[in-house]
Amino acid sequence: MKEIKAYIHNHRIADVVRALKESELCNTDGTPGCRNLAVVPVKILLKTMDSKEQHYSIELAEEVINESKLELICEDHQVDELVSIIERTARTGQAEAGWIYVTDIVQAILIKGMHE
């Protein structure tokens, strides 16, 4: 199994999630395949060409950009296709529109809902 994390501009995240769901590789019904699809708001410490994207974070005392971190778990054979979908739909027209990271899952343990 692999974990894919992608840092994506907020205005592209909805299209990325839609494309992943439409690919039928990401299931929300618990069947095998891409799962645990999550979108987390993040503050990125990065200078941009367009200063309108940046704002000052009082918590961090730094200029930041609001972005989204997409996370999902998938089977090894799905990685290339899922990365391709994310890369294609996350494009913004800028030279650098985000990053995609793929890591190995060493162990996955199901947390059961009922006491045995």
N, C-alpha and C. Protein backbone atom coordinates (compact mmCIF):
# COMPACT_ATOMS: atom_id res chain seq x y z
N MET A 1 0.84 -1.18 0.00
CA MET A 1 0.00 0.00 0.00
C MET A 1 0.89 1.24 0.00
N LYS A 2 0.30 2.32 -0.52
CA LYS A 2 1.00 3.60 -0.59
C LYS A 2 0.11 4.69 -0.02
N GLU A 3 0.76 5.77 0.43
CA GLU A 3 0.06 6.98 0.82
C GLU A 3 0.46 8.07 -0.16
N ILE A 4 -0.53 8.76 -0.68
CA ILE A 4 -0.28 9.89 -1.56
C ILE A 4 -0.72 11.14 -0.82
N LYS A 5 0.19 12.13 -0.77
CA LYS A 5 -0.13 13.44 -0.21
C LYS A 5 0.15 14.46 -1.31
N ALA A 6 -0.75 15.39 -1.46
CA ALA A 6 -0.57 16.43 -2.47
C ALA A 6 -0.95 17.77 -1.88
N TYR A 7 -0.11 18.76 -2.11
CA TYR A 7 -0.38 20.13 -1.68
C TYR A 7 -0.89 20.89 -2.90
N ILE A 8 -2.14 21.36 -2.83
CA ILE A 8 -2.87 21.85 -4.00
C ILE A 8 -3.48 23.21 -3.68
N HIS A 9 -3.48 24.10 -4.68
CA HIS A 9 -4.14 25.40 -4.52
C HIS A 9 -5.62 25.18 -4.20
N ASN A 10 -6.14 26.00 -3.31
CA ASN A 10 -7.54 25.87 -2.89
C ASN A 10 -8.52 25.93 -4.04
N HIS A 11 -8.26 26.74 -5.05
CA HIS A 11 -9.22 26.86 -6.14
C HIS A 11 -9.18 25.66 -7.09
N ARG A 12 -8.28 24.69 -6.89
CA ARG A 12 -8.20 23.49 -7.73
C ARG A 12 -8.65 22.22 -6.99
N ILE A 13 -8.75 22.27 -5.66
CA ILE A 13 -8.99 21.05 -4.88
C ILE A 13 -10.32 20.38 -5.21
N ALA A 14 -11.38 21.13 -5.42
CA ALA A 14 -12.68 20.52 -5.73
C ALA A 14 -12.62 19.73 -7.03
N ASP A 15 -11.92 20.27 -8.03
CA ASP A 15 -11.80 19.56 -9.30
C ASP A 15 -10.98 18.28 -9.14
N VAL A 16 -9.96 18.33 -8.30
CA VAL A 16 -9.13 17.14 -8.07
C VAL A 16 -9.96 16.05 -7.39
N VAL A 17 -10.69 16.41 -6.35
CA VAL A 17 -11.51 15.42 -5.64
C VAL A 17 -12.56 14.83 -6.58
N ARG A 18 -13.21 15.68 -7.38
CA ARG A 18 -14.21 15.20 -8.33
C ARG A 18 -13.59 14.22 -9.33
N ALA A 19 -12.42 14.56 -9.86
CA ALA A 19 -11.76 13.69 -10.84
C ALA A 19 -11.37 12.35 -10.21
N LEU A 20 -10.93 12.36 -8.97
CA LEU A 20 -10.59 11.11 -8.29
C LEU A 20 -11.82 10.23 -8.11
N LYS A 21 -12.93 10.83 -7.70
CA LYS A 21 -14.17 10.06 -7.53
C LYS A 21 -14.69 9.53 -8.86
N GLU A 22 -14.64 10.38 -9.90
CA GLU A 22 -15.13 9.96 -11.22
C GLU A 22 -14.26 8.87 -11.84
N SER A 23 -13.01 8.77 -11.42
CA SER A 23 -12.12 7.72 -11.94
C SER A 23 -12.56 6.34 -11.47
N GLU A 24 -13.37 6.29 -10.44
CA GLU A 24 -13.84 5.06 -9.80
C GLU A 24 -12.70 4.28 -9.15
N LEU A 25 -11.55 4.93 -8.96
CA LEU A 25 -10.44 4.32 -8.24
C LEU A 25 -10.53 4.60 -6.75
N CYS A 26 -11.20 5.69 -6.39
CA CYS A 26 -11.34 6.07 -4.98
C CYS A 26 -12.75 5.75 -4.52
N ASN A 27 -12.82 4.86 -3.56
CA ASN A 27 -14.11 4.40 -3.07
C ASN A 27 -14.41 5.01 -1.71
N THR A 28 -15.62 5.42 -1.52
CA THR A 28 -16.04 5.91 -0.21
C THR A 28 -16.91 4.88 0.50
N ASP A 29 -17.02 3.69 -0.10
CA ASP A 29 -17.88 2.66 0.48
C ASP A 29 -17.11 1.57 1.23
N GLY A 30 -15.80 1.74 1.42
CA GLY A 30 -15.02 0.78 2.19
C GLY A 30 -14.48 -0.38 1.39
N THR A 31 -14.77 -0.46 0.08
CA THR A 31 -14.23 -1.55 -0.72
C THR A 31 -12.76 -1.29 -1.01
N PRO A 32 -12.01 -2.35 -1.36
CA PRO A 32 -10.58 -2.17 -1.62
C PRO A 32 -10.32 -1.15 -2.73
N GLY A 33 -9.18 -0.53 -2.64
CA GLY A 33 -8.80 0.49 -3.61
C GLY A 33 -8.35 1.74 -2.87
N CYS A 34 -8.43 2.85 -3.52
CA CYS A 34 -8.09 4.13 -2.90
C CYS A 34 -9.08 4.40 -1.77
N ARG A 35 -8.59 4.76 -0.61
CA ARG A 35 -9.49 5.00 0.53
C ARG A 35 -8.90 6.06 1.46
N ASN A 36 -9.66 6.38 2.46
CA ASN A 36 -9.28 7.40 3.44
C ASN A 36 -8.93 8.71 2.75
N LEU A 37 -9.72 9.06 1.74
CA LEU A 37 -9.54 10.32 1.02
C LEU A 37 -9.89 11.46 1.97
N ALA A 38 -8.92 12.36 2.19
CA ALA A 38 -9.12 13.47 3.11
C ALA A 38 -8.54 14.74 2.51
N VAL A 39 -9.16 15.86 2.83
CA VAL A 39 -8.66 17.16 2.43
C VAL A 39 -8.51 17.98 3.72
N VAL A 40 -7.30 18.49 3.93
CA VAL A 40 -6.97 19.21 5.15
C VAL A 40 -6.50 20.62 4.78
N PRO A 41 -7.10 21.66 5.38
CA PRO A 41 -6.59 23.01 5.10
C PRO A 41 -5.22 23.20 5.75
N VAL A 42 -4.30 23.80 4.99
CA VAL A 42 -2.95 24.04 5.51
C VAL A 42 -2.50 25.46 5.18
N LYS A 43 -1.53 25.94 5.95
CA LYS A 43 -0.89 27.23 5.69
C LYS A 43 0.52 26.92 5.22
N ILE A 44 0.86 27.38 4.03
CA ILE A 44 2.16 27.12 3.44
C ILE A 44 3.03 28.36 3.58
N LEU A 45 4.26 28.18 4.05
CA LEU A 45 5.22 29.27 4.16
C LEU A 45 6.00 29.33 2.85
N LEU A 46 5.47 30.07 1.89
CA LEU A 46 6.06 30.11 0.56
C LEU A 46 5.76 31.46 -0.06
N LYS A 47 6.76 32.05 -0.67
CA LYS A 47 6.55 33.30 -1.40
C LYS A 47 5.95 32.97 -2.76
N THR A 48 5.02 33.79 -3.20
CA THR A 48 4.39 33.58 -4.50
C THR A 48 4.66 34.77 -5.41
N MET A 49 4.44 34.54 -6.68
CA MET A 49 4.57 35.63 -7.65
C MET A 49 3.43 36.63 -7.48
N ASP A 50 2.26 36.12 -7.12
CA ASP A 50 1.08 36.95 -6.95
C ASP A 50 0.87 37.22 -5.46
N SER A 51 1.14 38.43 -5.01
CA SER A 51 1.04 38.75 -3.59
C SER A 51 -0.40 38.66 -3.08
N LYS A 52 -1.39 38.63 -3.98
CA LYS A 52 -2.79 38.51 -3.55
C LYS A 52 -3.06 37.16 -2.88
N GLU A 53 -2.24 36.15 -3.18
CA GLU A 53 -2.42 34.83 -2.58
C GLU A 53 -1.95 34.79 -1.14
N GLN A 54 -1.05 35.68 -0.77
CA GLN A 54 -0.46 35.64 0.55
C GLN A 54 -1.22 36.51 1.54
N HIS A 55 -1.14 36.12 2.78
CA HIS A 55 -1.64 36.95 3.86
C HIS A 55 -0.78 36.69 5.10
N TYR A 56 -0.89 37.56 6.05
CA TYR A 56 -0.08 37.47 7.26
C TYR A 56 -0.81 36.60 8.28
N SER A 57 -0.13 35.59 8.79
CA SER A 57 -0.69 34.73 9.84
C SER A 57 -0.22 35.23 11.19
N ILE A 58 -1.16 35.65 12.00
CA ILE A 58 -0.82 36.12 13.35
C ILE A 58 -0.27 34.96 14.18
N GLU A 59 -0.83 33.75 14.01
CA GLU A 59 -0.38 32.59 14.78
C GLU A 59 1.08 32.25 14.47
N LEU A 60 1.47 32.37 13.21
CA LEU A 60 2.82 32.00 12.80
C LEU A 60 3.77 33.19 12.68
N ALA A 61 3.23 34.40 12.69
CA ALA A 61 4.02 35.63 12.52
C ALA A 61 4.81 35.56 11.21
N GLU A 62 4.16 35.11 10.17
CA GLU A 62 4.78 34.93 8.85
C GLU A 62 3.76 35.17 7.76
N GLU A 63 4.25 35.47 6.56
CA GLU A 63 3.40 35.49 5.37
C GLU A 63 3.12 34.05 4.97
N VAL A 64 1.86 33.71 4.71
CA VAL A 64 1.47 32.34 4.36
C VAL A 64 0.52 32.35 3.17
N ILE A 65 0.36 31.17 2.62
CA ILE A 65 -0.63 30.91 1.57
C ILE A 65 -1.55 29.82 2.09
N ASN A 66 -2.85 30.00 1.96
CA ASN A 66 -3.79 28.95 2.31
C ASN A 66 -3.88 27.98 1.14
N GLU A 67 -3.63 26.70 1.43
CA GLU A 67 -3.74 25.64 0.43
C GLU A 67 -4.47 24.47 1.06
N SER A 68 -4.61 23.41 0.27
CA SER A 68 -5.24 22.19 0.75
C SER A 68 -4.25 21.04 0.62
N LYS A 69 -4.26 20.18 1.63
CA LYS A 69 -3.45 18.96 1.57
C LYS A 69 -4.42 17.80 1.34
N LEU A 70 -4.25 17.13 0.21
CA LEU A 70 -5.04 15.96 -0.12
C LEU A 70 -4.27 14.74 0.37
N GLU A 71 -4.94 13.83 1.05
CA GLU A 71 -4.31 12.60 1.52
C GLU A 71 -5.18 11.43 1.11
N LEU A 72 -4.54 10.34 0.68
CA LEU A 72 -5.28 9.12 0.40
C LEU A 72 -4.35 7.93 0.50
N ILE A 73 -4.94 6.77 0.73
CA ILE A 73 -4.23 5.50 0.77
C ILE A 73 -4.70 4.70 -0.43
N CYS A 74 -3.76 4.01 -1.08
CA CYS A 74 -4.15 3.22 -2.26
C CYS A 74 -3.29 1.98 -2.38
N GLU A 75 -3.70 1.11 -3.28
CA GLU A 75 -2.93 -0.09 -3.60
C GLU A 75 -1.75 0.32 -4.49
N ASP A 76 -0.68 -0.43 -4.44
CA ASP A 76 0.54 -0.10 -5.19
C ASP A 76 0.26 0.10 -6.68
N HIS A 77 -0.57 -0.76 -7.25
CA HIS A 77 -0.80 -0.71 -8.70
C HIS A 77 -1.65 0.51 -9.13
N GLN A 78 -2.22 1.24 -8.18
CA GLN A 78 -3.04 2.41 -8.50
C GLN A 78 -2.26 3.73 -8.49
N VAL A 79 -1.05 3.71 -7.97
CA VAL A 79 -0.30 4.95 -7.73
C VAL A 79 -0.14 5.79 -8.99
N ASP A 80 0.36 5.20 -10.06
CA ASP A 80 0.65 5.99 -11.26
C ASP A 80 -0.60 6.67 -11.81
N GLU A 81 -1.71 5.94 -11.85
CA GLU A 81 -2.93 6.53 -12.39
C GLU A 81 -3.48 7.62 -11.47
N LEU A 82 -3.45 7.40 -10.17
CA LEU A 82 -3.94 8.41 -9.23
C LEU A 82 -3.07 9.66 -9.25
N VAL A 83 -1.76 9.49 -9.29
CA VAL A 83 -0.85 10.64 -9.36
C VAL A 83 -1.09 11.41 -10.65
N SER A 84 -1.31 10.70 -11.74
CA SER A 84 -1.59 11.35 -13.02
C SER A 84 -2.86 12.19 -12.96
N ILE A 85 -3.90 11.66 -12.34
CA ILE A 85 -5.17 12.39 -12.20
C ILE A 85 -4.95 13.65 -11.36
N ILE A 86 -4.25 13.51 -10.23
CA ILE A 86 -4.00 14.66 -9.36
C ILE A 86 -3.18 15.71 -10.09
N GLU A 87 -2.11 15.27 -10.74
CA GLU A 87 -1.22 16.21 -11.44
C GLU A 87 -1.95 16.96 -12.54
N ARG A 88 -2.75 16.26 -13.30
CA ARG A 88 -3.48 16.86 -14.42
C ARG A 88 -4.53 17.87 -13.95
N THR A 89 -5.27 17.53 -12.91
CA THR A 89 -6.39 18.39 -12.49
C THR A 89 -5.97 19.48 -11.51
N ALA A 90 -4.78 19.39 -10.93
CA ALA A 90 -4.32 20.40 -9.97
C ALA A 90 -3.57 21.54 -10.64
N ARG A 91 -3.33 21.45 -11.93
CA ARG A 91 -2.58 22.49 -12.64
C ARG A 91 -3.26 23.84 -12.54
N THR A 92 -2.43 24.89 -12.44
CA THR A 92 -2.95 26.24 -12.31
C THR A 92 -2.50 27.17 -13.42
N GLY A 93 -1.54 26.75 -14.21
CA GLY A 93 -0.96 27.63 -15.22
C GLY A 93 0.31 28.30 -14.73
N GLN A 94 0.60 28.17 -13.45
CA GLN A 94 1.85 28.70 -12.90
C GLN A 94 2.96 27.67 -13.08
N ALA A 95 4.20 28.12 -13.01
CA ALA A 95 5.34 27.22 -13.16
C ALA A 95 5.36 26.14 -12.08
N GLU A 96 4.97 26.52 -10.86
CA GLU A 96 4.91 25.56 -9.76
C GLU A 96 3.54 25.68 -9.10
N ALA A 97 2.74 24.62 -9.19
CA ALA A 97 1.38 24.68 -8.67
C ALA A 97 1.15 23.77 -7.46
N GLY A 98 2.19 23.14 -6.94
CA GLY A 98 2.05 22.26 -5.79
C GLY A 98 2.99 21.09 -5.89
N TRP A 99 2.85 20.16 -4.96
CA TRP A 99 3.71 18.98 -4.91
C TRP A 99 2.87 17.75 -4.60
N ILE A 100 3.32 16.60 -5.11
CA ILE A 100 2.70 15.31 -4.82
C ILE A 100 3.80 14.42 -4.24
N TYR A 101 3.49 13.78 -3.13
CA TYR A 101 4.44 12.87 -2.48
C TYR A 101 3.80 11.49 -2.37
N VAL A 102 4.61 10.45 -2.61
CA VAL A 102 4.14 9.07 -2.48
C VAL A 102 5.08 8.35 -1.52
N THR A 103 4.50 7.73 -0.49
CA THR A 103 5.30 6.99 0.49
C THR A 103 4.72 5.60 0.69
N ASP A 104 5.58 4.70 1.14
CA ASP A 104 5.16 3.33 1.45
C ASP A 104 4.44 3.29 2.80
N ILE A 105 3.41 2.48 2.88
CA ILE A 105 2.75 2.19 4.15
C ILE A 105 3.39 0.92 4.68
N VAL A 106 4.02 1.01 5.82
CA VAL A 106 4.71 -0.14 6.40
C VAL A 106 3.71 -1.10 7.05
N GLN A 107 2.70 -0.54 7.67
CA GLN A 107 1.71 -1.36 8.36
C GLN A 107 0.40 -0.60 8.42
N ALA A 108 -0.71 -1.32 8.27
CA ALA A 108 -2.04 -0.73 8.39
C ALA A 108 -2.86 -1.61 9.34
N ILE A 109 -3.43 -1.01 10.35
CA ILE A 109 -4.17 -1.76 11.36
C ILE A 109 -5.58 -1.19 11.45
N LEU A 110 -6.57 -2.03 11.26
CA LEU A 110 -7.96 -1.62 11.35
C LEU A 110 -8.34 -1.41 12.81
N ILE A 111 -8.96 -0.29 13.11
CA ILE A 111 -9.50 -0.04 14.44
C ILE A 111 -10.95 -0.50 14.40
N LYS A 112 -11.25 -1.54 15.13
CA LYS A 112 -12.60 -2.11 15.11
C LYS A 112 -13.55 -1.25 15.94
N GLY A 113 -14.81 -1.20 15.51
CA GLY A 113 -15.80 -0.37 16.16
C GLY A 113 -16.46 -0.98 17.38
N MET A 114 -16.38 -2.28 17.54
CA MET A 114 -17.06 -2.96 18.64
C MET A 114 -16.03 -3.65 19.53
N HIS A 115 -16.31 -3.68 20.83
CA HIS A 115 -15.44 -4.41 21.75
C HIS A 115 -15.67 -5.90 21.55
N GLU A 116 -14.62 -6.67 21.64
CA GLU A 116 -14.77 -8.13 21.49
C GLU A 116 -14.71 -8.82 22.81
